[in-house]
Protein backbone atom coordinates (compact mmCIF):
# COMPACT_ATOMS: atom_id res chain seq x y z
CA MET A 1 -162.47 -99.03 66.19
CA ILE A 2 -164.02 -102.55 66.57
CA PRO A 3 -161.34 -104.51 64.80
CA ILE A 4 -162.21 -107.92 64.16
CA LYS A 5 -160.81 -110.60 62.25
CA ILE A 6 -162.46 -113.72 60.54
CA LEU A 7 -160.55 -116.41 61.49
CA GLY A 8 -162.79 -119.38 59.65
CA GLU A 9 -165.98 -120.01 57.83
CA SER A 10 -167.36 -124.06 57.71
CA GLY A 11 -170.54 -124.91 56.33
CA TYR A 12 -171.22 -124.05 53.44
CA GLU A 13 -171.18 -127.68 51.49
CA ALA A 14 -173.13 -129.02 54.17
CA ALA A 15 -176.05 -125.75 54.21
CA GLN A 16 -176.24 -126.78 50.32
CA LEU A 17 -176.45 -130.84 50.86
CA GLY A 18 -179.61 -129.79 53.58
CA LEU A 19 -181.48 -127.94 51.22
CA SER A 20 -180.92 -129.71 48.31
CA LEU A 21 -182.49 -132.53 50.37
CA SER A 22 -185.35 -130.48 51.99
CA TYR A 23 -186.20 -130.14 48.23
CA ASN A 24 -185.46 -133.13 46.55
CA ALA A 25 -183.48 -131.21 44.18
CA ASP A 26 -179.95 -131.43 42.97
CA LEU A 27 -177.20 -129.97 44.50
CA ASP A 28 -175.99 -128.04 41.83
CA LYS A 29 -179.44 -125.81 42.11
CA MET A 30 -178.48 -125.08 45.25
CA PRO A 31 -176.77 -121.89 45.00
CA ALA A 32 -179.45 -120.02 43.00
CA ARG A 33 -182.20 -121.08 46.20
CA MET A 34 -179.95 -120.08 48.78
CA ASP A 35 -179.48 -116.73 47.56
CA LYS A 36 -183.16 -116.50 46.64
CA LEU A 37 -184.04 -117.39 50.34
CA ALA A 38 -181.60 -116.66 52.24
CA PHE A 39 -183.85 -113.44 53.40
CA LYS A 40 -187.25 -115.47 53.61
CA GLN A 41 -188.02 -115.71 57.75
CA GLY A 42 -190.54 -118.53 58.58
CA GLY A 43 -187.33 -121.23 58.51
CA HIS A 44 -187.00 -121.01 54.47
CA ASN A 45 -183.63 -119.88 55.14
CA GLY A 46 -182.65 -122.31 58.28
CA PHE A 47 -179.86 -123.24 56.17
CA LEU A 48 -178.25 -120.09 57.48
CA GLU A 49 -177.80 -121.83 60.51
CA LEU A 50 -175.67 -124.80 59.38
CA ILE A 51 -172.59 -121.85 58.26
CA GLN A 52 -170.07 -121.06 61.07
CA VAL A 53 -168.23 -117.98 61.33
CA TRP A 54 -165.37 -117.99 64.30
CA MET A 55 -164.22 -114.19 64.68
CA ASP A 56 -161.85 -112.46 66.60
CA VAL A 57 -163.09 -109.47 68.26
CA THR A 58 -162.14 -106.84 70.36
CA ALA A 59 -164.77 -103.87 71.68
CA PRO A 60 -165.47 -102.52 74.61
CA ARG A 61 -167.20 -104.04 77.80
CA PHE A 62 -170.54 -101.50 76.71
CA TRP A 63 -170.82 -103.32 73.21
CA TRP A 64 -170.47 -106.77 74.13
CA GLN A 65 -173.68 -106.42 77.14
CA GLN A 66 -175.26 -105.45 73.92
CA ALA A 67 -173.49 -108.24 71.91
CA ASP A 68 -174.31 -111.03 74.63
CA ARG A 69 -178.06 -110.40 73.06
CA TYR A 70 -177.18 -112.43 70.13
CA ARG A 71 -177.44 -116.46 70.61
CA LEU A 72 -174.35 -117.86 70.01
CA SER A 73 -172.67 -121.56 69.38
CA SER A 74 -170.32 -120.44 71.18
CA LYS A 75 -167.45 -117.66 72.66
CA MET A 76 -164.71 -117.76 74.64
CA SER A 77 -163.00 -114.38 76.19
CA GLU A 78 -160.00 -113.08 77.39
CA SER A 79 -160.86 -113.61 81.16
CA THR A 80 -160.55 -110.22 83.19
CA MET A 81 -159.88 -112.66 86.74
CA HIS A 82 -157.27 -114.05 84.99
CA THR A 83 -155.49 -111.12 83.24
CA LEU A 84 -156.86 -108.34 84.55
CA LEU A 85 -154.06 -107.88 86.87
CA ASN A 86 -150.95 -108.98 85.27
CA ARG A 87 -149.74 -105.79 84.15
CA PRO A 88 -150.44 -101.90 84.87
CA LEU A 89 -153.29 -101.19 82.49
CA MET A 90 -152.45 -98.24 80.03
CA GLN A 91 -154.82 -95.56 77.96
CA LEU A 92 -154.68 -98.82 74.46
CA ASP A 93 -156.50 -100.52 77.17
CA PHE A 94 -159.67 -98.24 76.52
CA ASN A 95 -161.86 -97.54 74.01
CA GLU A 96 -161.42 -93.87 74.51
CA ARG A 97 -158.62 -92.07 76.59
CA ILE A 98 -159.97 -92.54 80.26
CA PRO A 99 -158.46 -89.44 82.69
CA ALA A 100 -154.81 -90.08 83.72
CA THR A 101 -155.84 -89.97 87.75
CA TRP A 102 -158.59 -92.23 86.79
CA LEU A 103 -156.07 -94.72 85.60
CA LEU A 104 -154.09 -94.05 88.26
CA GLY A 105 -156.41 -95.25 90.50
CA LEU A 106 -156.73 -98.57 88.54
CA ASN A 107 -152.69 -99.11 88.31
CA GLN A 108 -152.70 -98.69 92.42
CA LEU A 109 -155.80 -101.45 92.40
CA VAL A 110 -153.65 -103.36 90.29
CA LEU A 111 -150.61 -102.98 92.30
CA GLU A 112 -153.08 -104.27 95.31
CA LYS A 113 -153.83 -106.79 93.66
CA ASP A 114 -157.17 -106.19 94.18
CA VAL A 115 -159.56 -108.07 91.35
CA GLU A 116 -162.97 -107.29 92.92
CA MET A 117 -162.46 -103.49 93.99
CA LEU A 118 -160.94 -103.01 89.76
CA LYS A 119 -163.72 -104.99 88.26
CA ASN A 120 -165.91 -102.40 90.17
CA TYR A 121 -163.95 -99.60 89.02
CA LEU A 122 -163.35 -100.60 85.52
CA PRO A 123 -165.27 -98.59 82.32
CA GLU A 124 -167.74 -99.73 80.20
CA GLY A 125 -164.92 -98.74 77.33
CA PHE A 126 -162.36 -101.07 78.73
CA LEU A 127 -161.40 -103.10 75.36
CA GLN A 128 -161.70 -107.39 76.11
CA ARG A 129 -161.46 -109.47 73.33
CA ARG A 130 -163.73 -112.85 72.40
CA VAL A 131 -163.29 -115.38 69.94
CA TRP A 132 -166.72 -115.94 69.09
CA MET A 133 -168.47 -118.78 66.76
CA CYS A 134 -171.81 -118.12 65.16
CA SER A 135 -174.68 -119.03 62.37
CA TYR A 136 -174.72 -116.99 59.24
CA LYS A 137 -178.39 -116.81 60.60
CA THR A 138 -176.99 -115.38 63.48
CA LEU A 139 -174.61 -112.29 61.62
CA GLN A 140 -177.66 -111.79 59.04
CA ASN A 141 -179.74 -110.90 62.47
CA ILE A 142 -177.45 -108.80 63.88
CA VAL A 143 -177.06 -106.78 60.68
CA ALA A 144 -180.91 -106.06 60.50
CA GLN A 145 -180.99 -104.75 64.30
CA ARG A 146 -177.46 -102.60 63.97
CA LYS A 147 -176.15 -101.62 60.77
CA ASN A 148 -177.76 -98.37 61.56
CA HIS A 149 -177.23 -98.60 65.31
CA LYS A 150 -176.54 -95.07 67.29
CA LEU A 151 -173.39 -96.67 68.39
CA PRO A 152 -170.62 -96.18 65.86
CA GLU A 153 -169.50 -99.50 66.93
CA TRP A 154 -172.11 -101.31 65.50
CA GLN A 155 -171.61 -99.46 62.06
CA GLU A 156 -168.41 -100.34 61.70
CA PHE A 157 -168.32 -104.21 63.06
CA CYS A 158 -171.27 -104.27 60.33
CA ASP A 159 -168.73 -102.92 57.68
CA MET A 160 -165.54 -105.17 59.00
CA LEU A 161 -168.28 -108.56 58.40
CA LYS A 162 -169.09 -107.48 54.91
CA GLU A 163 -165.22 -106.86 53.79
CA GLN A 164 -164.59 -110.77 55.16
CA LEU A 165 -167.56 -113.20 55.15
CA ALA A 166 -167.26 -115.39 52.22
CA HIS A 167 -170.46 -115.32 51.26
CA PRO A 168 -171.86 -111.87 52.44
CA GLU A 169 -174.93 -112.01 50.21
CA PHE A 170 -176.33 -114.20 53.03
CA VAL A 171 -176.05 -111.61 55.71
CA PHE A 172 -176.43 -108.31 54.13
CA LYS A 173 -179.89 -108.07 52.36
CA PRO A 174 -179.60 -106.44 48.93
CA GLU A 175 -181.65 -103.60 48.16
CA CYS A 176 -184.14 -105.18 46.35
CA VAL A 177 -185.28 -109.05 47.61
CA GLU A 178 -188.74 -110.72 47.26
CA ASN A 179 -189.39 -112.24 50.15
CA ASP A 180 -193.39 -113.50 49.39
CA THR A 181 -192.84 -115.84 47.06
CA GLU A 182 -192.84 -119.57 47.65
CA PHE A 183 -189.99 -121.88 45.95
CA PRO A 184 -192.76 -124.28 44.11
CA ARG A 185 -191.09 -127.75 43.20
CA THR A 186 -191.25 -128.07 39.50
CA SER A 187 -190.39 -131.99 37.86
CA ASP A 188 -186.87 -130.14 37.07
CA ASP A 189 -186.22 -129.86 40.34
CA ARG A 190 -186.73 -133.74 40.68
CA VAL A 191 -183.31 -135.81 41.61
């Protein structure tokens, strides 16, 4: 299981304001418009880039390799260079149990302070913790591409996002979303 914790979200009000400026419309009409535009591509859902999320994520190295393909604003992680030699490794440091002899070998490298060899032999299931900041637009893209991925870690990630996001309706596409219609400006949209 990939534990994630939403540390904070910011930008919802700024996204509303930006969208109201784009349409020269009253701010109080923006929540409904945001709902309708959230899954309309071609720049119509650009307001999602203004809503930022900070997450604390612990995941195996193989998962991070895939996660790194997505455009992120920023990330900071446990540094294997600075932390790997601080203590003996345990089974809890890995996504799945590794053979005991392998763990003994890795811990021998920890004792020898051989970080280069340790990094060479570290399994892809080694867990790494990162603070990850990205936009709702990036999360929407991740969910669209990974919610049914063959790696169960992606499904877990998506499920945990859905439970914790302040506005999951902007990230998880409802069953029936009409993306084909424009929003024509009407006289009542004017400020």
